Amino acid sequence: MINLQPQKAIGVWQLGDCIGKGAYGKVYKGLNKETAQIVAIKQVTLANISNECLLSLKSEIEILKKLKHPNIVKYIDAKYTERTLSIILEYVESGSLAGIIKKFGAFPEPLVAIYIK
């Protein structure tokens, strides 16, 4: 029987708590065991993914590699195993804007101005 539980480590990257779920998989808080860098690890189980979805993920990786902007999460690496594709990204503590609004409610106008700026 194939174990579909997430791997606890991918090379130097140690998986921590699940911090989100998406269309293709889960996102974990991760740790580089050599440098102590905290990252986000988007992990997709390949067992039930279509070729079209896999091509889409590979395209996402190629785009992320090229993006260099202070307001865009930084791509760090991607690791393939027999069972998973893991995309390692910069970890942003505050999470998504939608997540912040869900936790704290609607923003007052001055705070909206800060996010827009």
N, C-alpha and C. Protein backbone atom coordinates (compact mmCIF):
# COMPACT_ATOMS: atom_id res chain seq x y z
N MET A 1 0.84 -1.19 0.00
CA MET A 1 0.00 0.00 0.00
C MET A 1 0.88 1.25 0.00
N ILE A 2 0.50 2.24 -0.79
CA ILE A 2 1.27 3.48 -0.90
C ILE A 2 0.86 4.42 0.23
N ASN A 3 1.84 4.97 0.92
CA ASN A 3 1.59 5.94 1.98
C ASN A 3 1.46 7.32 1.34
N LEU A 4 0.29 7.94 1.45
CA LEU A 4 0.08 9.25 0.85
C LEU A 4 0.26 10.39 1.86
N GLN A 5 0.78 10.08 3.04
CA GLN A 5 1.07 11.12 4.01
C GLN A 5 2.22 11.97 3.49
N PRO A 6 2.22 13.26 3.81
CA PRO A 6 3.30 14.11 3.33
C PRO A 6 4.64 13.66 3.92
N GLN A 7 5.68 13.83 3.13
CA GLN A 7 7.02 13.53 3.63
C GLN A 7 7.37 14.55 4.69
N LYS A 8 8.11 14.12 5.68
CA LYS A 8 8.48 15.03 6.76
C LYS A 8 9.74 15.82 6.43
N ALA A 9 10.52 15.35 5.46
CA ALA A 9 11.72 16.07 5.05
C ALA A 9 11.97 15.84 3.57
N ILE A 10 12.44 16.88 2.90
CA ILE A 10 12.82 16.81 1.50
C ILE A 10 14.22 17.41 1.44
N GLY A 11 15.23 16.56 1.38
CA GLY A 11 16.60 17.06 1.41
C GLY A 11 16.85 17.82 2.70
N VAL A 12 17.32 19.06 2.59
CA VAL A 12 17.60 19.87 3.78
C VAL A 12 16.35 20.52 4.34
N TRP A 13 15.22 20.37 3.65
CA TRP A 13 13.98 21.05 4.05
C TRP A 13 13.14 20.15 4.95
N GLN A 14 12.85 20.61 6.16
CA GLN A 14 12.02 19.89 7.12
C GLN A 14 10.62 20.48 7.09
N LEU A 15 9.60 19.62 6.90
CA LEU A 15 8.22 20.09 6.90
C LEU A 15 7.72 20.30 8.32
N GLY A 16 6.99 21.40 8.51
CA GLY A 16 6.37 21.70 9.80
C GLY A 16 4.86 21.61 9.67
N ASP A 17 4.17 22.51 10.34
CA ASP A 17 2.71 22.52 10.35
C ASP A 17 2.14 22.88 8.99
N CYS A 18 0.98 22.32 8.69
CA CYS A 18 0.23 22.70 7.50
C CYS A 18 -0.33 24.10 7.74
N ILE A 19 -0.07 25.02 6.82
CA ILE A 19 -0.54 26.40 6.99
C ILE A 19 -1.57 26.80 5.94
N GLY A 20 -1.88 25.88 5.02
CA GLY A 20 -2.89 26.19 4.01
C GLY A 20 -3.13 25.03 3.07
N LYS A 21 -4.24 25.11 2.37
CA LYS A 21 -4.60 24.10 1.38
C LYS A 21 -5.00 24.80 0.11
N GLY A 22 -4.64 24.22 -1.02
CA GLY A 22 -4.99 24.79 -2.31
C GLY A 22 -5.59 23.75 -3.21
N ALA A 23 -5.78 24.12 -4.47
CA ALA A 23 -6.40 23.24 -5.44
C ALA A 23 -5.56 21.98 -5.69
N TYR A 24 -4.24 22.10 -5.62
CA TYR A 24 -3.37 20.99 -5.97
C TYR A 24 -2.77 20.27 -4.76
N GLY A 25 -2.74 20.90 -3.61
CA GLY A 25 -2.09 20.26 -2.48
C GLY A 25 -2.15 21.11 -1.24
N LYS A 26 -1.16 20.94 -0.38
CA LYS A 26 -1.10 21.64 0.89
C LYS A 26 0.17 22.48 0.95
N VAL A 27 0.14 23.49 1.82
CA VAL A 27 1.30 24.34 2.04
C VAL A 27 1.72 24.16 3.50
N TYR A 28 3.01 23.91 3.67
CA TYR A 28 3.57 23.69 5.00
C TYR A 28 4.58 24.77 5.33
N LYS A 29 4.68 25.09 6.60
CA LYS A 29 5.80 25.90 7.06
C LYS A 29 6.99 24.96 7.10
N GLY A 30 8.13 25.40 6.59
CA GLY A 30 9.29 24.55 6.52
C GLY A 30 10.53 25.21 7.09
N LEU A 31 11.54 24.39 7.31
CA LEU A 31 12.80 24.84 7.89
C LEU A 31 13.96 24.23 7.14
N ASN A 32 14.92 25.07 6.77
CA ASN A 32 16.17 24.56 6.20
C ASN A 32 17.02 24.11 7.38
N LYS A 33 17.31 22.81 7.44
CA LYS A 33 18.01 22.23 8.59
C LYS A 33 19.48 22.65 8.67
N GLU A 34 19.99 23.26 7.61
CA GLU A 34 21.39 23.71 7.62
C GLU A 34 21.53 25.19 7.93
N THR A 35 20.56 26.02 7.47
CA THR A 35 20.68 27.47 7.63
C THR A 35 19.65 28.07 8.58
N ALA A 36 18.66 27.28 9.01
CA ALA A 36 17.56 27.72 9.87
C ALA A 36 16.60 28.68 9.16
N GLN A 37 16.68 28.77 7.84
CA GLN A 37 15.75 29.62 7.08
C GLN A 37 14.35 29.02 7.15
N ILE A 38 13.36 29.86 7.47
CA ILE A 38 11.96 29.45 7.48
C ILE A 38 11.39 29.71 6.10
N VAL A 39 10.66 28.74 5.56
CA VAL A 39 10.10 28.83 4.21
C VAL A 39 8.66 28.32 4.20
N ALA A 40 8.00 28.51 3.07
CA ALA A 40 6.71 27.88 2.81
C ALA A 40 6.98 26.79 1.77
N ILE A 41 6.42 25.60 2.01
CA ILE A 41 6.63 24.49 1.07
C ILE A 41 5.27 24.05 0.55
N LYS A 42 5.03 24.33 -0.73
CA LYS A 42 3.80 23.90 -1.39
C LYS A 42 4.04 22.49 -1.89
N GLN A 43 3.30 21.53 -1.33
CA GLN A 43 3.56 20.13 -1.68
C GLN A 43 2.33 19.51 -2.35
N VAL A 44 2.57 18.92 -3.52
CA VAL A 44 1.53 18.30 -4.32
C VAL A 44 1.80 16.80 -4.39
N THR A 45 0.79 15.99 -4.06
CA THR A 45 0.90 14.55 -4.22
C THR A 45 0.63 14.22 -5.67
N LEU A 46 1.55 13.51 -6.30
CA LEU A 46 1.47 13.25 -7.73
C LEU A 46 0.59 12.06 -8.10
N ALA A 47 0.13 11.29 -7.13
CA ALA A 47 -0.61 10.06 -7.39
C ALA A 47 -1.87 10.28 -8.23
N ASN A 48 -2.62 11.30 -7.96
CA ASN A 48 -3.90 11.51 -8.64
C ASN A 48 -3.96 12.79 -9.46
N ILE A 49 -2.81 13.27 -9.90
CA ILE A 49 -2.79 14.53 -10.64
C ILE A 49 -2.71 14.25 -12.14
N SER A 50 -3.46 15.01 -12.90
CA SER A 50 -3.47 14.82 -14.35
C SER A 50 -2.20 15.43 -14.96
N ASN A 51 -1.89 15.00 -16.17
CA ASN A 51 -0.74 15.56 -16.88
C ASN A 51 -0.91 17.06 -17.10
N GLU A 52 -2.15 17.49 -17.36
CA GLU A 52 -2.44 18.91 -17.57
C GLU A 52 -2.11 19.71 -16.31
N CYS A 53 -2.50 19.20 -15.14
CA CYS A 53 -2.21 19.88 -13.89
C CYS A 53 -0.71 19.91 -13.62
N LEU A 54 -0.03 18.83 -13.92
CA LEU A 54 1.42 18.77 -13.71
C LEU A 54 2.13 19.79 -14.61
N LEU A 55 1.68 19.89 -15.86
CA LEU A 55 2.26 20.89 -16.77
C LEU A 55 2.01 22.30 -16.25
N SER A 56 0.83 22.53 -15.68
CA SER A 56 0.49 23.83 -15.12
C SER A 56 1.42 24.16 -13.95
N LEU A 57 1.69 23.18 -13.10
CA LEU A 57 2.59 23.40 -11.97
C LEU A 57 4.02 23.68 -12.44
N LYS A 58 4.46 22.95 -13.46
CA LYS A 58 5.80 23.19 -14.00
C LYS A 58 5.90 24.59 -14.60
N SER A 59 4.82 25.03 -15.24
CA SER A 59 4.77 26.38 -15.79
C SER A 59 4.83 27.42 -14.66
N GLU A 60 4.10 27.14 -13.57
CA GLU A 60 4.13 28.03 -12.41
C GLU A 60 5.56 28.17 -11.88
N ILE A 61 6.27 27.07 -11.80
CA ILE A 61 7.65 27.10 -11.32
C ILE A 61 8.52 27.95 -12.23
N GLU A 62 8.38 27.79 -13.54
CA GLU A 62 9.19 28.58 -14.48
C GLU A 62 8.89 30.07 -14.35
N ILE A 63 7.63 30.42 -14.14
CA ILE A 63 7.27 31.83 -13.95
C ILE A 63 7.85 32.35 -12.65
N LEU A 64 7.70 31.58 -11.56
CA LEU A 64 8.21 32.00 -10.26
C LEU A 64 9.72 32.23 -10.30
N LYS A 65 10.44 31.42 -11.04
CA LYS A 65 11.89 31.57 -11.15
C LYS A 65 12.28 32.93 -11.73
N LYS A 66 11.44 33.45 -12.62
CA LYS A 66 11.75 34.70 -13.32
C LYS A 66 11.30 35.95 -12.56
N LEU A 67 10.35 35.81 -11.65
CA LEU A 67 9.81 36.97 -10.96
C LEU A 67 10.76 37.48 -9.88
N LYS A 68 11.09 38.74 -9.95
CA LYS A 68 11.97 39.37 -8.96
C LYS A 68 11.35 40.72 -8.60
N HIS A 69 10.60 40.75 -7.51
CA HIS A 69 9.96 41.99 -7.07
C HIS A 69 9.75 41.90 -5.56
N PRO A 70 9.94 43.01 -4.83
CA PRO A 70 9.80 42.96 -3.37
C PRO A 70 8.39 42.58 -2.89
N ASN A 71 7.38 42.75 -3.73
CA ASN A 71 6.00 42.45 -3.33
C ASN A 71 5.52 41.09 -3.82
N ILE A 72 6.41 40.30 -4.38
CA ILE A 72 6.06 38.96 -4.86
C ILE A 72 6.88 37.95 -4.08
N VAL A 73 6.21 36.90 -3.58
CA VAL A 73 6.89 35.85 -2.83
C VAL A 73 8.01 35.27 -3.67
N LYS A 74 9.19 35.13 -3.07
CA LYS A 74 10.40 34.68 -3.76
C LYS A 74 10.42 33.16 -3.89
N TYR A 75 10.69 32.68 -5.10
CA TYR A 75 10.91 31.27 -5.36
C TYR A 75 12.30 30.89 -4.85
N ILE A 76 12.39 29.74 -4.19
CA ILE A 76 13.69 29.28 -3.68
C ILE A 76 14.14 28.01 -4.40
N ASP A 77 13.25 27.02 -4.51
CA ASP A 77 13.66 25.75 -5.10
C ASP A 77 12.42 24.90 -5.37
N ALA A 78 12.63 23.83 -6.11
CA ALA A 78 11.58 22.82 -6.31
C ALA A 78 12.25 21.45 -6.20
N LYS A 79 11.57 20.53 -5.55
CA LYS A 79 12.10 19.19 -5.36
C LYS A 79 11.05 18.17 -5.81
N TYR A 80 11.47 17.24 -6.64
CA TYR A 80 10.61 16.16 -7.10
C TYR A 80 11.01 14.86 -6.40
N THR A 81 10.02 14.07 -6.00
CA THR A 81 10.25 12.70 -5.56
C THR A 81 9.28 11.84 -6.36
N GLU A 82 9.30 10.55 -6.13
CA GLU A 82 8.36 9.66 -6.82
C GLU A 82 6.92 10.04 -6.52
N ARG A 83 6.67 10.49 -5.31
CA ARG A 83 5.29 10.75 -4.86
C ARG A 83 4.88 12.21 -4.86
N THR A 84 5.83 13.13 -4.78
CA THR A 84 5.46 14.53 -4.58
C THR A 84 6.28 15.50 -5.41
N LEU A 85 5.69 16.67 -5.60
CA LEU A 85 6.40 17.85 -6.10
C LEU A 85 6.30 18.87 -4.99
N SER A 86 7.43 19.39 -4.55
CA SER A 86 7.47 20.40 -3.49
C SER A 86 8.08 21.68 -4.04
N ILE A 87 7.34 22.77 -3.92
CA ILE A 87 7.83 24.08 -4.36
C ILE A 87 8.17 24.87 -3.10
N ILE A 88 9.43 25.25 -2.96
CA ILE A 88 9.88 25.96 -1.77
C ILE A 88 9.90 27.45 -2.07
N LEU A 89 9.19 28.20 -1.22
CA LEU A 89 8.99 29.63 -1.42
C LEU A 89 9.35 30.40 -0.16
N GLU A 90 9.60 31.68 -0.34
CA GLU A 90 9.79 32.59 0.78
C GLU A 90 8.56 32.49 1.69
N TYR A 91 8.78 32.49 3.00
CA TYR A 91 7.68 32.46 3.95
C TYR A 91 7.31 33.88 4.33
N VAL A 92 6.03 34.22 4.20
CA VAL A 92 5.54 35.54 4.58
C VAL A 92 4.64 35.35 5.78
N GLU A 93 5.07 35.86 6.91
CA GLU A 93 4.40 35.61 8.19
C GLU A 93 2.93 35.99 8.22
N SER A 94 2.57 37.14 7.67
CA SER A 94 1.20 37.61 7.83
C SER A 94 0.19 36.88 6.95
N GLY A 95 0.64 36.11 5.98
CA GLY A 95 -0.28 35.36 5.14
C GLY A 95 -0.90 36.22 4.07
N SER A 96 -1.97 35.72 3.48
CA SER A 96 -2.63 36.43 2.39
C SER A 96 -3.50 37.56 2.94
N LEU A 97 -3.76 38.53 2.09
CA LEU A 97 -4.63 39.63 2.46
C LEU A 97 -6.02 39.11 2.80
N ALA A 98 -6.50 38.14 2.03
CA ALA A 98 -7.83 37.55 2.31
C ALA A 98 -7.84 36.90 3.69
N GLY A 99 -6.76 36.22 4.05
CA GLY A 99 -6.67 35.58 5.36
C GLY A 99 -6.67 36.58 6.50
N ILE A 100 -5.98 37.70 6.30
CA ILE A 100 -5.94 38.75 7.33
C ILE A 100 -7.32 39.35 7.52
N ILE A 101 -8.01 39.63 6.41
CA ILE A 101 -9.37 40.20 6.50
C ILE A 101 -10.32 39.21 7.17
N LYS A 102 -10.16 37.93 6.86
CA LYS A 102 -11.01 36.91 7.49
C LYS A 102 -10.81 36.89 9.00
N LYS A 103 -9.56 37.04 9.45
CA LYS A 103 -9.25 37.02 10.88
C LYS A 103 -9.67 38.30 11.61
N PHE A 104 -9.45 39.46 10.95
CA PHE A 104 -9.60 40.73 11.63
C PHE A 104 -10.77 41.58 11.16
N GLY A 105 -11.45 41.16 10.10
CA GLY A 105 -12.58 41.93 9.61
C GLY A 105 -12.15 43.00 8.62
N ALA A 106 -13.13 43.79 8.19
CA ALA A 106 -12.90 44.84 7.20
C ALA A 106 -11.87 45.85 7.72
N PHE A 107 -11.05 46.35 6.80
CA PHE A 107 -10.01 47.32 7.16
C PHE A 107 -10.59 48.73 7.17
N PRO A 108 -10.13 49.57 8.11
CA PRO A 108 -10.48 50.99 8.03
C PRO A 108 -9.74 51.63 6.85
N GLU A 109 -10.24 52.72 6.37
CA GLU A 109 -9.69 53.36 5.17
C GLU A 109 -8.18 53.65 5.24
N PRO A 110 -7.65 54.17 6.37
CA PRO A 110 -6.19 54.42 6.41
C PRO A 110 -5.36 53.14 6.21
N LEU A 111 -5.85 52.02 6.72
CA LEU A 111 -5.13 50.76 6.56
C LEU A 111 -5.21 50.27 5.11
N VAL A 112 -6.36 50.46 4.48
CA VAL A 112 -6.50 50.10 3.06
C VAL A 112 -5.49 50.90 2.24
N ALA A 113 -5.32 52.17 2.59
CA ALA A 113 -4.37 53.03 1.85
C ALA A 113 -2.94 52.49 1.95
N ILE A 114 -2.58 51.94 3.13
CA ILE A 114 -1.25 51.37 3.30
C ILE A 114 -1.07 50.17 2.38
N TYR A 115 -2.07 49.31 2.31
CA TYR A 115 -1.96 48.11 1.45
C TYR A 115 -1.95 48.49 -0.03
N ILE A 116 -2.71 49.50 -0.41
CA ILE A 116 -2.74 49.93 -1.80
C ILE A 116 -1.40 50.53 -2.20
N LYS A 117 -0.80 51.30 -1.29
CA LYS A 117 0.48 51.94 -1.56
C LYS A 117 1.54 50.89 -1.78
